[in-house]
Amino acid sequence: MFYKKPIEERIAERVAKRKPLEEGKTFEHGPAKFVFISLITIVVVMHVVGIAIVMALDV
């Protein structure tokens, strides 16, 4: 009545039900893709602003 399958078995069943990944698709999870691209964009913008500040102060 209260028997539950072990977590490993439940995960294995869930993984078996999923469709195979499409080739060339790096991120299956949308929010992960959004966070990754946002962080990369922030780092690039910070570098550009930092370089601009250094160049402006080095007169």
Protein backbone atom coordinates (compact mmCIF):
# COMPACT_ATOMS: atom_id res chain seq x y z
CA MET A 1 0.00 0.00 0.00
CA PHE A 2 2.74 2.47 0.94
CA TYR A 3 5.40 0.97 -1.30
CA LYS A 4 7.29 3.47 -3.44
CA LYS A 5 9.84 2.56 -6.06
CA PRO A 6 13.38 3.66 -5.31
CA ILE A 7 14.34 7.04 -6.74
CA GLU A 8 16.79 5.42 -9.19
CA GLU A 9 14.01 3.34 -10.75
CA ARG A 10 11.67 6.32 -11.01
CA ILE A 11 14.37 8.41 -12.68
CA ALA A 12 15.21 5.56 -15.08
CA GLU A 13 11.54 5.23 -16.09
CA ARG A 14 11.25 8.97 -16.67
CA VAL A 15 14.43 9.06 -18.76
CA ALA A 16 13.24 6.07 -20.81
CA LYS A 17 10.00 7.91 -21.68
CA ARG A 18 11.81 10.98 -23.04
CA LYS A 19 12.38 11.36 -26.74
CA PRO A 20 15.99 11.32 -27.92
CA LEU A 21 17.86 14.61 -28.09
CA GLU A 22 17.92 16.37 -31.44
CA GLU A 23 21.33 16.70 -33.01
CA GLY A 24 22.80 20.19 -32.81
CA LYS A 25 20.52 21.19 -29.95
CA THR A 26 22.80 22.14 -27.07
CA PHE A 27 20.28 23.28 -24.47
CA GLU A 28 17.17 21.22 -23.96
CA HIS A 29 16.03 23.44 -21.09
CA GLY A 30 14.90 26.92 -22.15
CA PRO A 31 15.65 28.79 -18.89
CA ALA A 32 19.18 27.33 -18.81
CA LYS A 33 19.78 28.70 -22.30
CA PHE A 34 18.45 32.12 -21.23
CA VAL A 35 20.68 32.24 -18.14
CA PHE A 36 23.75 31.12 -20.09
CA ILE A 37 23.31 33.69 -22.84
CA SER A 38 22.52 36.43 -20.29
CA LEU A 39 25.69 35.73 -18.31
CA ILE A 40 27.86 35.66 -21.43
CA THR A 41 26.31 38.96 -22.58
CA ILE A 42 26.88 40.60 -19.18
CA VAL A 43 30.54 39.50 -19.11
CA VAL A 44 31.17 40.82 -22.64
CA VAL A 45 29.49 44.17 -21.87
CA MET A 46 31.47 44.52 -18.62
CA HIS A 47 34.73 43.90 -20.49
CA VAL A 48 33.89 46.46 -23.17
CA VAL A 49 32.90 49.08 -20.56
CA GLY A 50 36.04 48.34 -18.54
CA ILE A 51 38.27 48.75 -21.56
CA ALA A 52 36.50 51.99 -22.51
CA ILE A 53 37.00 53.39 -18.98
CA VAL A 54 40.69 52.45 -18.93
CA MET A 55 41.23 54.00 -22.35
CA ALA A 56 39.40 57.20 -21.32
CA LEU A 57 41.43 57.61 -18.12
CA ASP A 58 44.77 56.91 -19.80
CA VAL A 59 45.14 60.31 -21.44
